[in-house]
mmCIF file of all heavy atoms, coordinates in Angstrom:
data_MODEL
# 
_entry.id   MODEL 
# 
loop_
_atom_site.group_PDB 
_atom_site.id 
_atom_site.type_symbol 
_atom_site.label_atom_id 
_atom_site.label_alt_id 
_atom_site.label_comp_id 
_atom_site.label_asym_id 
_atom_site.label_entity_id 
_atom_site.label_seq_id 
_atom_site.pdbx_PDB_ins_code 
_atom_site.Cartn_x 
_atom_site.Cartn_y 
_atom_site.Cartn_z 
_atom_site.occupancy 
_atom_site.B_iso_or_equiv 
_atom_site.pdbx_formal_charge 
_atom_site.auth_seq_id 
_atom_site.auth_comp_id 
_atom_site.auth_asym_id 
_atom_site.auth_atom_id 
_atom_site.pdbx_PDB_model_num 
ATOM 1   N N   . SER A 1 1  ? 0.840  -1.200  0.000  1.00 0.00 ? 1  SER A N   1 
ATOM 2   C CA  . SER A 1 1  ? 0.000  0.000   0.000  1.00 0.00 ? 1  SER A CA  1 
ATOM 3   C C   . SER A 1 1  ? 0.877  1.254   0.000  1.00 0.00 ? 1  SER A C   1 
ATOM 4   O O   . SER A 1 1  ? 2.103  1.180   0.148  1.00 0.00 ? 1  SER A O   1 
ATOM 5   C CB  . SER A 1 1  ? -0.919 -0.005  1.231  1.00 0.00 ? 1  SER A CB  1 
ATOM 6   O OG  . SER A 1 1  ? -0.130 0.063   2.418  1.00 0.00 ? 1  SER A OG  1 
ATOM 7   N N   . ASP A 1 2  ? 0.251  2.390   -0.134 1.00 0.00 ? 2  ASP A N   1 
ATOM 8   C CA  . ASP A 1 2  ? 0.985  3.669   -0.135 1.00 0.00 ? 2  ASP A CA  1 
ATOM 9   C C   . ASP A 1 2  ? 1.263  4.117   1.301  1.00 0.00 ? 2  ASP A C   1 
ATOM 10  O O   . ASP A 1 2  ? 0.881  5.208   1.730  1.00 0.00 ? 2  ASP A O   1 
ATOM 11  C CB  . ASP A 1 2  ? 0.177  4.731   -0.886 1.00 0.00 ? 2  ASP A CB  1 
ATOM 12  C CG  . ASP A 1 2  ? 0.022  4.394   -2.358 1.00 0.00 ? 2  ASP A CG  1 
ATOM 13  O OD1 . ASP A 1 2  ? 0.900  3.691   -2.899 1.00 0.00 ? 2  ASP A OD1 1 
ATOM 14  O OD2 . ASP A 1 2  ? -0.980 4.815   -2.964 1.00 0.00 ? 2  ASP A OD2 1 
ATOM 15  N N   . TRP A 1 3  ? 1.937  3.251   2.057  1.00 0.00 ? 3  TRP A N   1 
ATOM 16  C CA  . TRP A 1 3  ? 2.180  3.555   3.470  1.00 0.00 ? 3  TRP A CA  1 
ATOM 17  C C   . TRP A 1 3  ? 3.102  4.766   3.651  1.00 0.00 ? 3  TRP A C   1 
ATOM 18  O O   . TRP A 1 3  ? 3.054  5.432   4.684  1.00 0.00 ? 3  TRP A O   1 
ATOM 19  C CB  . TRP A 1 3  ? 2.783  2.331   4.156  1.00 0.00 ? 3  TRP A CB  1 
ATOM 20  C CG  . TRP A 1 3  ? 4.068  1.840   3.536  1.00 0.00 ? 3  TRP A CG  1 
ATOM 21  C CD1 . TRP A 1 3  ? 4.188  0.895   2.576  1.00 0.00 ? 3  TRP A CD1 1 
ATOM 22  C CD2 . TRP A 1 3  ? 5.390  2.282   3.837  1.00 0.00 ? 3  TRP A CD2 1 
ATOM 23  N NE1 . TRP A 1 3  ? 5.490  0.696   2.236  1.00 0.00 ? 3  TRP A NE1 1 
ATOM 24  C CE2 . TRP A 1 3  ? 6.269  1.553   3.011  1.00 0.00 ? 3  TRP A CE2 1 
ATOM 25  C CE3 . TRP A 1 3  ? 5.930  3.227   4.712  1.00 0.00 ? 3  TRP A CE3 1 
ATOM 26  C CZ2 . TRP A 1 3  ? 7.646  1.730   3.034  1.00 0.00 ? 3  TRP A CZ2 1 
ATOM 27  C CZ3 . TRP A 1 3  ? 7.297  3.403   4.752  1.00 0.00 ? 3  TRP A CZ3 1 
ATOM 28  C CH2 . TRP A 1 3  ? 8.147  2.657   3.911  1.00 0.00 ? 3  TRP A CH2 1 
ATOM 29  N N   . HIS A 1 4  ? 3.944  5.056   2.646  1.00 0.00 ? 4  HIS A N   1 
ATOM 30  C CA  . HIS A 1 4  ? 4.852  6.191   2.778  1.00 0.00 ? 4  HIS A CA  1 
ATOM 31  C C   . HIS A 1 4  ? 4.124  7.530   2.692  1.00 0.00 ? 4  HIS A C   1 
ATOM 32  O O   . HIS A 1 4  ? 4.704  8.570   3.026  1.00 0.00 ? 4  HIS A O   1 
ATOM 33  C CB  . HIS A 1 4  ? 5.926  6.125   1.686  1.00 0.00 ? 4  HIS A CB  1 
ATOM 34  C CG  . HIS A 1 4  ? 5.386  5.883   0.309  1.00 0.00 ? 4  HIS A CG  1 
ATOM 35  N ND1 . HIS A 1 4  ? 5.049  4.625   -0.129 1.00 0.00 ? 4  HIS A ND1 1 
ATOM 36  C CD2 . HIS A 1 4  ? 5.096  6.735   -0.697 1.00 0.00 ? 4  HIS A CD2 1 
ATOM 37  C CE1 . HIS A 1 4  ? 4.596  4.706   -1.376 1.00 0.00 ? 4  HIS A CE1 1 
ATOM 38  N NE2 . HIS A 1 4  ? 4.607  5.978   -1.738 1.00 0.00 ? 4  HIS A NE2 1 
ATOM 39  N N   . HIS A 1 5  ? 2.854  7.510   2.249  1.00 0.00 ? 5  HIS A N   1 
ATOM 40  C CA  . HIS A 1 5  ? 2.042  8.726   2.243  1.00 0.00 ? 5  HIS A CA  1 
ATOM 41  C C   . HIS A 1 5  ? 1.184  8.848   3.494  1.00 0.00 ? 5  HIS A C   1 
ATOM 42  O O   . HIS A 1 5  ? 0.471  9.847   3.649  1.00 0.00 ? 5  HIS A O   1 
ATOM 43  C CB  . HIS A 1 5  ? 1.130  8.757   1.015  1.00 0.00 ? 5  HIS A CB  1 
ATOM 44  C CG  . HIS A 1 5  ? 1.900  8.895   -0.268 1.00 0.00 ? 5  HIS A CG  1 
ATOM 45  N ND1 . HIS A 1 5  ? 1.397  8.449   -1.474 1.00 0.00 ? 5  HIS A ND1 1 
ATOM 46  C CD2 . HIS A 1 5  ? 3.137  9.397   -0.539 1.00 0.00 ? 5  HIS A CD2 1 
ATOM 47  C CE1 . HIS A 1 5  ? 2.285  8.688   -2.435 1.00 0.00 ? 5  HIS A CE1 1 
ATOM 48  N NE2 . HIS A 1 5  ? 3.346  9.269   -1.876 1.00 0.00 ? 5  HIS A NE2 1 
ATOM 49  N N   . ALA A 1 6  ? 1.216  7.841   4.370  1.00 0.00 ? 6  ALA A N   1 
ATOM 50  C CA  . ALA A 1 6  ? 0.392  7.833   5.573  1.00 0.00 ? 6  ALA A CA  1 
ATOM 51  C C   . ALA A 1 6  ? 1.096  8.593   6.689  1.00 0.00 ? 6  ALA A C   1 
ATOM 52  O O   . ALA A 1 6  ? 2.311  8.834   6.639  1.00 0.00 ? 6  ALA A O   1 
ATOM 53  C CB  . ALA A 1 6  ? 0.115  6.396   6.006  1.00 0.00 ? 6  ALA A CB  1 
ATOM 54  N N   . PRO A 1 7  ? 0.366  8.987   7.735  1.00 0.00 ? 7  PRO A N   1 
ATOM 55  C CA  . PRO A 1 7  ? 1.013  9.599   8.901  1.00 0.00 ? 7  PRO A CA  1 
ATOM 56  C C   . PRO A 1 7  ? 2.041  8.658   9.520  1.00 0.00 ? 7  PRO A C   1 
ATOM 57  O O   . PRO A 1 7  ? 1.982  7.439   9.365  1.00 0.00 ? 7  PRO A O   1 
ATOM 58  C CB  . PRO A 1 7  ? -0.166 9.859   9.853  1.00 0.00 ? 7  PRO A CB  1 
ATOM 59  C CG  . PRO A 1 7  ? -1.357 9.945   8.972  1.00 0.00 ? 7  PRO A CG  1 
ATOM 60  C CD  . PRO A 1 7  ? -1.097 9.003   7.831  1.00 0.00 ? 7  PRO A CD  1 
ATOM 61  N N   . CYS A 1 8  ? 2.968  9.244   10.248 1.00 0.00 ? 8  CYS A N   1 
ATOM 62  C CA  . CYS A 1 8  ? 4.093  8.472   10.788 1.00 0.00 ? 8  CYS A CA  1 
ATOM 63  C C   . CYS A 1 8  ? 3.620  7.368   11.728 1.00 0.00 ? 8  CYS A C   1 
ATOM 64  O O   . CYS A 1 8  ? 4.125  6.245   11.682 1.00 0.00 ? 8  CYS A O   1 
ATOM 65  C CB  . CYS A 1 8  ? 5.051  9.417   11.511 1.00 0.00 ? 8  CYS A CB  1 
ATOM 66  S SG  . CYS A 1 8  ? 6.540  8.600   12.125 1.00 0.00 ? 8  CYS A SG  1 
ATOM 67  N N   . ILE A 1 9  ? 2.646  7.674   12.578 1.00 0.00 ? 9  ILE A N   1 
ATOM 68  C CA  . ILE A 1 9  ? 2.161  6.665   13.532 1.00 0.00 ? 9  ILE A CA  1 
ATOM 69  C C   . ILE A 1 9  ? 1.509  5.501   12.791 1.00 0.00 ? 9  ILE A C   1 
ATOM 70  O O   . ILE A 1 9  ? 1.720  4.328   13.123 1.00 0.00 ? 9  ILE A O   1 
ATOM 71  C CB  . ILE A 1 9  ? 1.159  7.309   14.506 1.00 0.00 ? 9  ILE A CB  1 
ATOM 72  C CG1 . ILE A 1 9  ? 1.850  8.377   15.343 1.00 0.00 ? 9  ILE A CG1 1 
ATOM 73  C CG2 . ILE A 1 9  ? 0.532  6.257   15.413 1.00 0.00 ? 9  ILE A CG2 1 
ATOM 74  C CD1 . ILE A 1 9  ? 0.924  9.118   16.279 1.00 0.00 ? 9  ILE A CD1 1 
ATOM 75  N N   . LEU A 1 10 ? 0.736  5.798   11.758 1.00 0.00 ? 10 LEU A N   1 
ATOM 76  C CA  . LEU A 1 10 ? 0.056  4.754   11.000 1.00 0.00 ? 10 LEU A CA  1 
ATOM 77  C C   . LEU A 1 10 ? 1.043  3.892   10.230 1.00 0.00 ? 10 LEU A C   1 
ATOM 78  O O   . LEU A 1 10 ? 0.896  2.665   10.150 1.00 0.00 ? 10 LEU A O   1 
ATOM 79  C CB  . LEU A 1 10 ? -0.956 5.385   10.046 1.00 0.00 ? 10 LEU A CB  1 
ATOM 80  C CG  . LEU A 1 10 ? -1.894 4.428   9.306  1.00 0.00 ? 10 LEU A CG  1 
ATOM 81  C CD1 . LEU A 1 10 ? -2.686 3.595   10.290 1.00 0.00 ? 10 LEU A CD1 1 
ATOM 82  C CD2 . LEU A 1 10 ? -2.819 5.203   8.384  1.00 0.00 ? 10 LEU A CD2 1 
ATOM 83  N N   . SER A 1 11 ? 2.076  4.503   9.654  1.00 0.00 ? 11 SER A N   1 
ATOM 84  C CA  . SER A 1 11 ? 3.078  3.727   8.921  1.00 0.00 ? 11 SER A CA  1 
ATOM 85  C C   . SER A 1 11 ? 3.863  2.814   9.843  1.00 0.00 ? 11 SER A C   1 
ATOM 86  O O   . SER A 1 11 ? 4.259  1.718   9.445  1.00 0.00 ? 11 SER A O   1 
ATOM 87  C CB  . SER A 1 11 ? 4.016  4.670   8.173  1.00 0.00 ? 11 SER A CB  1 
ATOM 88  O OG  . SER A 1 11 ? 4.701  5.513   9.085  1.00 0.00 ? 11 SER A OG  1 
ATOM 89  N N   . ARG A 1 12 ? 4.070  3.234   11.089 1.00 0.00 ? 12 ARG A N   1 
ATOM 90  C CA  . ARG A 1 12 ? 4.761  2.357   12.036 1.00 0.00 ? 12 ARG A CA  1 
ATOM 91  C C   . ARG A 1 12 ? 3.884  1.173   12.424 1.00 0.00 ? 12 ARG A C   1 
ATOM 92  O O   . ARG A 1 12 ? 4.399  0.069   12.681 1.00 0.00 ? 12 ARG A O   1 
ATOM 93  C CB  . ARG A 1 12 ? 5.166  3.137   13.280 1.00 0.00 ? 12 ARG A CB  1 
ATOM 94  C CG  . ARG A 1 12 ? 6.344  4.082   13.071 1.00 0.00 ? 12 ARG A CG  1 
ATOM 95  C CD  . ARG A 1 12 ? 7.002  4.421   14.388 1.00 0.00 ? 12 ARG A CD  1 
ATOM 96  N NE  . ARG A 1 12 ? 6.048  5.042   15.309 1.00 0.00 ? 12 ARG A NE  1 
ATOM 97  C CZ  . ARG A 1 12 ? 5.913  6.350   15.467 1.00 0.00 ? 12 ARG A CZ  1 
ATOM 98  N NH1 . ARG A 1 12 ? 6.662  7.187   14.746 1.00 0.00 ? 12 ARG A NH1 1 
ATOM 99  N NH2 . ARG A 1 12 ? 5.037  6.836   16.335 1.00 0.00 ? 12 ARG A NH2 1 
ATOM 100 N N   . ASN A 1 13 ? 2.598  1.380   12.479 1.00 0.00 ? 13 ASN A N   1 
ATOM 101 C CA  . ASN A 1 13 ? 1.699  0.280   12.847 1.00 0.00 ? 13 ASN A CA  1 
ATOM 102 C C   . ASN A 1 13 ? 1.668  -0.825  11.792 1.00 0.00 ? 13 ASN A C   1 
ATOM 103 O O   . ASN A 1 13 ? 1.343  -1.977  12.106 1.00 0.00 ? 13 ASN A O   1 
ATOM 104 C CB  . ASN A 1 13 ? 0.287  0.821   13.069 1.00 0.00 ? 13 ASN A CB  1 
ATOM 105 C CG  . ASN A 1 13 ? 0.179  1.654   14.330 1.00 0.00 ? 13 ASN A CG  1 
ATOM 106 O OD1 . ASN A 1 13 ? 0.991  1.492   15.253 1.00 0.00 ? 13 ASN A OD1 1 
ATOM 107 N ND2 . ASN A 1 13 ? -0.794 2.540   14.378 1.00 0.00 ? 13 ASN A ND2 1 
ATOM 108 N N   . ILE A 1 14 ? 1.976  -0.464  10.553 1.00 0.00 ? 14 ILE A N   1 
ATOM 109 C CA  . ILE A 1 14 ? 2.012  -1.491  9.510  1.00 0.00 ? 14 ILE A CA  1 
ATOM 110 C C   . ILE A 1 14 ? 3.091  -2.526  9.807  1.00 0.00 ? 14 ILE A C   1 
ATOM 111 O O   . ILE A 1 14 ? 2.969  -3.705  9.448  1.00 0.00 ? 14 ILE A O   1 
ATOM 112 C CB  . ILE A 1 14 ? 2.231  -0.831  8.134  1.00 0.00 ? 14 ILE A CB  1 
ATOM 113 C CG1 . ILE A 1 14 ? 1.027  0.048   7.779  1.00 0.00 ? 14 ILE A CG1 1 
ATOM 114 C CG2 . ILE A 1 14 ? 2.450  -1.855  7.039  1.00 0.00 ? 14 ILE A CG2 1 
ATOM 115 C CD1 . ILE A 1 14 ? 1.149  0.763   6.464  1.00 0.00 ? 14 ILE A CD1 1 
ATOM 116 N N   . ILE A 1 15 ? 4.145  -2.100  10.507 1.00 0.00 ? 15 ILE A N   1 
ATOM 117 C CA  . ILE A 1 15 ? 5.212  -3.036  10.868 1.00 0.00 ? 15 ILE A CA  1 
ATOM 118 C C   . ILE A 1 15 ? 4.658  -4.154  11.749 1.00 0.00 ? 15 ILE A C   1 
ATOM 119 O O   . ILE A 1 15 ? 5.038  -5.323  11.601 1.00 0.00 ? 15 ILE A O   1 
ATOM 120 C CB  . ILE A 1 15 ? 6.352  -2.288  11.580 1.00 0.00 ? 15 ILE A CB  1 
ATOM 121 C CG1 . ILE A 1 15 ? 6.949  -1.237  10.645 1.00 0.00 ? 15 ILE A CG1 1 
ATOM 122 C CG2 . ILE A 1 15 ? 7.425  -3.262  12.055 1.00 0.00 ? 15 ILE A CG2 1 
ATOM 123 C CD1 . ILE A 1 15 ? 8.017  -0.391  11.287 1.00 0.00 ? 15 ILE A CD1 1 
ATOM 124 N N   . PHE A 1 16 ? 3.742  -3.808  12.640 1.00 0.00 ? 16 PHE A N   1 
ATOM 125 C CA  . PHE A 1 16 ? 3.169  -4.832  13.519 1.00 0.00 ? 16 PHE A CA  1 
ATOM 126 C C   . PHE A 1 16 ? 2.310  -5.824  12.739 1.00 0.00 ? 16 PHE A C   1 
ATOM 127 O O   . PHE A 1 16 ? 2.251  -7.015  13.073 1.00 0.00 ? 16 PHE A O   1 
ATOM 128 C CB  . PHE A 1 16 ? 2.354  -4.161  14.618 1.00 0.00 ? 16 PHE A CB  1 
ATOM 129 C CG  . PHE A 1 16 ? 3.171  -3.330  15.565 1.00 0.00 ? 16 PHE A CG  1 
ATOM 130 C CD1 . PHE A 1 16 ? 3.216  -1.953  15.442 1.00 0.00 ? 16 PHE A CD1 1 
ATOM 131 C CD2 . PHE A 1 16 ? 3.921  -3.935  16.557 1.00 0.00 ? 16 PHE A CD2 1 
ATOM 132 C CE1 . PHE A 1 16 ? 3.973  -1.179  16.306 1.00 0.00 ? 16 PHE A CE1 1 
ATOM 133 C CE2 . PHE A 1 16 ? 4.687  -3.168  17.431 1.00 0.00 ? 16 PHE A CE2 1 
ATOM 134 C CZ  . PHE A 1 16 ? 4.721  -1.794  17.308 1.00 0.00 ? 16 PHE A CZ  1 
ATOM 135 N N   . VAL A 1 17 ? 1.643  -5.345  11.698 1.00 0.00 ? 17 VAL A N   1 
ATOM 136 C CA  . VAL A 1 17 ? 0.880  -6.270  10.845 1.00 0.00 ? 17 VAL A CA  1 
ATOM 137 C C   . VAL A 1 17 ? 1.821  -7.230  10.135 1.00 0.00 ? 17 VAL A C   1 
ATOM 138 O O   . VAL A 1 17 ? 1.561  -8.438  10.047 1.00 0.00 ? 17 VAL A O   1 
ATOM 139 C CB  . VAL A 1 17 ? 0.042  -5.474  9.828  1.00 0.00 ? 17 VAL A CB  1 
ATOM 140 C CG1 . VAL A 1 17 ? -0.693 -6.415  8.885  1.00 0.00 ? 17 VAL A CG1 1 
ATOM 141 C CG2 . VAL A 1 17 ? -0.954 -4.570  10.545 1.00 0.00 ? 17 VAL A CG2 1 
ATOM 142 N N   . ILE A 1 18 ? 2.928  -6.711  9.644  1.00 0.00 ? 18 ILE A N   1 
ATOM 143 C CA  . ILE A 1 18 ? 3.905  -7.564  8.970  1.00 0.00 ? 18 ILE A CA  1 
ATOM 144 C C   . ILE A 1 18 ? 4.510  -8.574  9.949  1.00 0.00 ? 18 ILE A C   1 
ATOM 145 O O   . ILE A 1 18 ? 4.700  -9.751  9.624  1.00 0.00 ? 18 ILE A O   1 
ATOM 146 C CB  . ILE A 1 18 ? 4.999  -6.700  8.315  1.00 0.00 ? 18 ILE A CB  1 
ATOM 147 C CG1 . ILE A 1 18 ? 4.377  -5.795  7.243  1.00 0.00 ? 18 ILE A CG1 1 
ATOM 148 C CG2 . ILE A 1 18 ? 6.085  -7.564  7.696  1.00 0.00 ? 18 ILE A CG2 1 
ATOM 149 C CD1 . ILE A 1 18 ? 5.351  -4.803  6.641  1.00 0.00 ? 18 ILE A CD1 1 
ATOM 150 N N   . MET A 1 19 ? 4.800  -8.122  11.181 1.00 0.00 ? 19 MET A N   1 
ATOM 151 C CA  . MET A 1 19 ? 5.336  -9.036  12.187 1.00 0.00 ? 19 MET A CA  1 
ATOM 152 C C   . MET A 1 19 ? 4.335  -10.134 12.542 1.00 0.00 ? 19 MET A C   1 
ATOM 153 O O   . MET A 1 19 ? 4.721  -11.283 12.794 1.00 0.00 ? 19 MET A O   1 
ATOM 154 C CB  . MET A 1 19 ? 5.723  -8.244  13.436 1.00 0.00 ? 19 MET A CB  1 
ATOM 155 C CG  . MET A 1 19 ? 6.913  -7.313  13.257 1.00 0.00 ? 19 MET A CG  1 
ATOM 156 S SD  . MET A 1 19 ? 7.213  -6.297  14.710 1.00 0.00 ? 19 MET A SD  1 
ATOM 157 C CE  . MET A 1 19 ? 7.525  -7.562  15.944 1.00 0.00 ? 19 MET A CE  1 
ATOM 158 N N   . GLU A 1 20 ? 3.046  -9.770  12.569 1.00 0.00 ? 20 GLU A N   1 
ATOM 159 C CA  . GLU A 1 20 ? 2.021  -10.765 12.886 1.00 0.00 ? 20 GLU A CA  1 
ATOM 160 C C   . GLU A 1 20 ? 1.957  -11.866 11.835 1.00 0.00 ? 20 GLU A C   1 
ATOM 161 O O   . GLU A 1 20 ? 1.717  -13.042 12.154 1.00 0.00 ? 20 GLU A O   1 
ATOM 162 C CB  . GLU A 1 20 ? 0.660  -10.074 13.001 1.00 0.00 ? 20 GLU A CB  1 
ATOM 163 C CG  . GLU A 1 20 ? -0.493 -10.988 13.394 1.00 0.00 ? 20 GLU A CG  1 
ATOM 164 C CD  . GLU A 1 20 ? -0.382 -11.489 14.824 1.00 0.00 ? 20 GLU A CD  1 
ATOM 165 O OE1 . GLU A 1 20 ? 0.286  -10.826 15.643 1.00 0.00 ? 20 GLU A OE1 1 
ATOM 166 O OE2 . GLU A 1 20 ? -0.973 -12.548 15.112 1.00 0.00 ? 20 GLU A OE2 1 
ATOM 167 N N   . THR A 1 21 ? 2.174  -11.501 10.583 1.00 0.00 ? 21 THR A N   1 
ATOM 168 C CA  . THR A 1 21 ? 2.108  -12.497 9.505  1.00 0.00 ? 21 THR A CA  1 
ATOM 169 C C   . THR A 1 21 ? 3.384  -13.309 9.380  1.00 0.00 ? 21 THR A C   1 
ATOM 170 O O   . THR A 1 21 ? 3.423  -14.243 8.565  1.00 0.00 ? 21 THR A O   1 
ATOM 171 C CB  . THR A 1 21 ? 1.821  -11.798 8.167  1.00 0.00 ? 21 THR A CB  1 
ATOM 172 O OG1 . THR A 1 21 ? 2.842  -10.815 7.908  1.00 0.00 ? 21 THR A OG1 1 
ATOM 173 C CG2 . THR A 1 21 ? 0.466  -11.115 8.203  1.00 0.00 ? 21 THR A CG2 1 
ATOM 174 N N   . ARG A 1 22 ? 4.418  -12.963 10.130 1.00 0.00 ? 22 ARG A N   1 
ATOM 175 C CA  . ARG A 1 22 ? 5.642  -13.767 10.083 1.00 0.00 ? 22 ARG A CA  1 
ATOM 176 C C   . ARG A 1 22 ? 5.429  -15.140 10.711 1.00 0.00 ? 22 ARG A C   1 
ATOM 177 O O   . ARG A 1 22 ? 6.132  -16.095 10.396 1.00 0.00 ? 22 ARG A O   1 
ATOM 178 C CB  . ARG A 1 22 ? 6.780  -13.041 10.809 1.00 0.00 ? 22 ARG A CB  1 
ATOM 179 C CG  . ARG A 1 22 ? 7.222  -11.753 10.140 1.00 0.00 ? 22 ARG A CG  1 
ATOM 180 C CD  . ARG A 1 22 ? 7.873  -12.025 8.804  1.00 0.00 ? 22 ARG A CD  1 
ATOM 181 N NE  . ARG A 1 22 ? 9.071  -12.810 8.931  1.00 0.00 ? 22 ARG A NE  1 
ATOM 182 C CZ  . ARG A 1 22 ? 10.284 -12.338 9.140  1.00 0.00 ? 22 ARG A CZ  1 
ATOM 183 N NH1 . ARG A 1 22 ? 10.451 -11.012 9.256  1.00 0.00 ? 22 ARG A NH1 1 
ATOM 184 N NH2 . ARG A 1 22 ? 11.332 -13.130 9.221  1.00 0.00 ? 22 ARG A NH2 1 
ATOM 185 N N   . THR A 1 23 ? 4.476  -15.219 11.626 1.00 0.00 ? 23 THR A N   1 
ATOM 186 C CA  . THR A 1 23 ? 4.105  -16.516 12.201 1.00 0.00 ? 23 THR A CA  1 
ATOM 187 C C   . THR A 1 23 ? 3.046  -17.146 11.303 1.00 0.00 ? 23 THR A C   1 
ATOM 188 O O   . THR A 1 23 ? 1.906  -16.660 11.251 1.00 0.00 ? 23 THR A O   1 
ATOM 189 C CB  . THR A 1 23 ? 3.555  -16.367 13.620 1.00 0.00 ? 23 THR A CB  1 
ATOM 190 O OG1 . THR A 1 23 ? 4.533  -15.729 14.438 1.00 0.00 ? 23 THR A OG1 1 
ATOM 191 C CG2 . THR A 1 23 ? 3.217  -17.727 14.215 1.00 0.00 ? 23 THR A CG2 1 
ATOM 192 N N   . PRO A 1 24 ? 3.355  -18.201 10.575 1.00 0.00 ? 24 PRO A N   1 
ATOM 193 C CA  . PRO A 1 24 ? 2.402  -18.727 9.583  1.00 0.00 ? 24 PRO A CA  1 
ATOM 194 C C   . PRO A 1 24 ? 1.187  -19.377 10.240 1.00 0.00 ? 24 PRO A C   1 
ATOM 195 O O   . PRO A 1 24 ? 1.286  -19.985 11.315 1.00 0.00 ? 24 PRO A O   1 
ATOM 196 C CB  . PRO A 1 24 ? 3.241  -19.758 8.807  1.00 0.00 ? 24 PRO A CB  1 
ATOM 197 C CG  . PRO A 1 24 ? 4.310  -20.175 9.764  1.00 0.00 ? 24 PRO A CG  1 
ATOM 198 C CD  . PRO A 1 24 ? 4.613  -18.969 10.608 1.00 0.00 ? 24 PRO A CD  1 
ATOM 199 N N   . VAL A 1 25 ? 0.048  -19.222 9.601  1.00 0.00 ? 25 VAL A N   1 
ATOM 200 C CA  . VAL A 1 25 ? -1.174 -19.912 10.010 1.00 0.00 ? 25 VAL A CA  1 
ATOM 201 C C   . VAL A 1 25 ? -1.198 -21.253 9.285  1.00 0.00 ? 25 VAL A C   1 
ATOM 202 O O   . VAL A 1 25 ? -1.375 -21.301 8.068  1.00 0.00 ? 25 VAL A O   1 
ATOM 203 C CB  . VAL A 1 25 ? -2.419 -19.073 9.672  1.00 0.00 ? 25 VAL A CB  1 
ATOM 204 C CG1 . VAL A 1 25 ? -3.683 -19.832 10.021 1.00 0.00 ? 25 VAL A CG1 1 
ATOM 205 C CG2 . VAL A 1 25 ? -2.376 -17.746 10.401 1.00 0.00 ? 25 VAL A CG2 1 
ATOM 206 N N   . GLN A 1 26 ? -1.016 -22.319 10.022 1.00 0.00 ? 26 GLN A N   1 
ATOM 207 C CA  . GLN A 1 26 ? -0.864 -23.634 9.416  1.00 0.00 ? 26 GLN A CA  1 
ATOM 208 C C   . GLN A 1 26 ? -1.909 -24.592 9.938  1.00 0.00 ? 26 GLN A C   1 
ATOM 209 O O   . GLN A 1 26 ? -2.319 -24.528 11.111 1.00 0.00 ? 26 GLN A O   1 
ATOM 210 C CB  . GLN A 1 26 ? 0.545  -24.181 9.701  1.00 0.00 ? 26 GLN A CB  1 
ATOM 211 C CG  . GLN A 1 26 ? 1.657  -23.372 9.073  1.00 0.00 ? 26 GLN A CG  1 
ATOM 212 C CD  . GLN A 1 26 ? 3.035  -23.870 9.476  1.00 0.00 ? 26 GLN A CD  1 
ATOM 213 O OE1 . GLN A 1 26 ? 3.215  -24.386 10.576 1.00 0.00 ? 26 GLN A OE1 1 
ATOM 214 N NE2 . GLN A 1 26 ? 4.004  -23.722 8.592  1.00 0.00 ? 26 GLN A NE2 1 
ATOM 215 N N   . LEU A 1 27 ? -2.321 -25.487 9.061  1.00 0.00 ? 27 LEU A N   1 
ATOM 216 C CA  . LEU A 1 27 ? -3.211 -26.574 9.460  1.00 0.00 ? 27 LEU A CA  1 
ATOM 217 C C   . LEU A 1 27 ? -2.359 -27.651 10.123 1.00 0.00 ? 27 LEU A C   1 
ATOM 218 O O   . LEU A 1 27 ? -1.426 -28.176 9.513  1.00 0.00 ? 27 LEU A O   1 
ATOM 219 C CB  . LEU A 1 27 ? -3.933 -27.126 8.234  1.00 0.00 ? 27 LEU A CB  1 
ATOM 220 C CG  . LEU A 1 27 ? -4.973 -28.222 8.467  1.00 0.00 ? 27 LEU A CG  1 
ATOM 221 C CD1 . LEU A 1 27 ? -6.116 -27.698 9.326  1.00 0.00 ? 27 LEU A CD1 1 
ATOM 222 C CD2 . LEU A 1 27 ? -5.508 -28.745 7.141  1.00 0.00 ? 27 LEU A CD2 1 
ATOM 223 N N   . LYS A 1 28 ? -2.685 -27.978 11.372 1.00 0.00 ? 28 LYS A N   1 
ATOM 224 C CA  . LYS A 1 28 ? -1.859 -28.899 12.145 1.00 0.00 ? 28 LYS A CA  1 
ATOM 225 C C   . LYS A 1 28 ? -2.671 -30.104 12.581 1.00 0.00 ? 28 LYS A C   1 
ATOM 226 O O   . LYS A 1 28 ? -3.826 -29.971 12.992 1.00 0.00 ? 28 LYS A O   1 
ATOM 227 C CB  . LYS A 1 28 ? -1.273 -28.195 13.371 1.00 0.00 ? 28 LYS A CB  1 
ATOM 228 C CG  . LYS A 1 28 ? -0.269 -27.100 13.030 1.00 0.00 ? 28 LYS A CG  1 
ATOM 229 C CD  . LYS A 1 28 ? 0.332  -26.505 14.290 1.00 0.00 ? 28 LYS A CD  1 
ATOM 230 C CE  . LYS A 1 28 ? 1.350  -25.428 13.951 1.00 0.00 ? 28 LYS A CE  1 
ATOM 231 N NZ  . LYS A 1 28 ? 1.948  -24.831 15.173 1.00 0.00 ? 28 LYS A NZ  1 
# 
């Protein structure tokens, strides 16, 4: 997304979304 056009606080929050997806959702 165009996160570089977003406010600074909002662009930093995108990092947490990316970190959340680093743990894969797997069928176990």
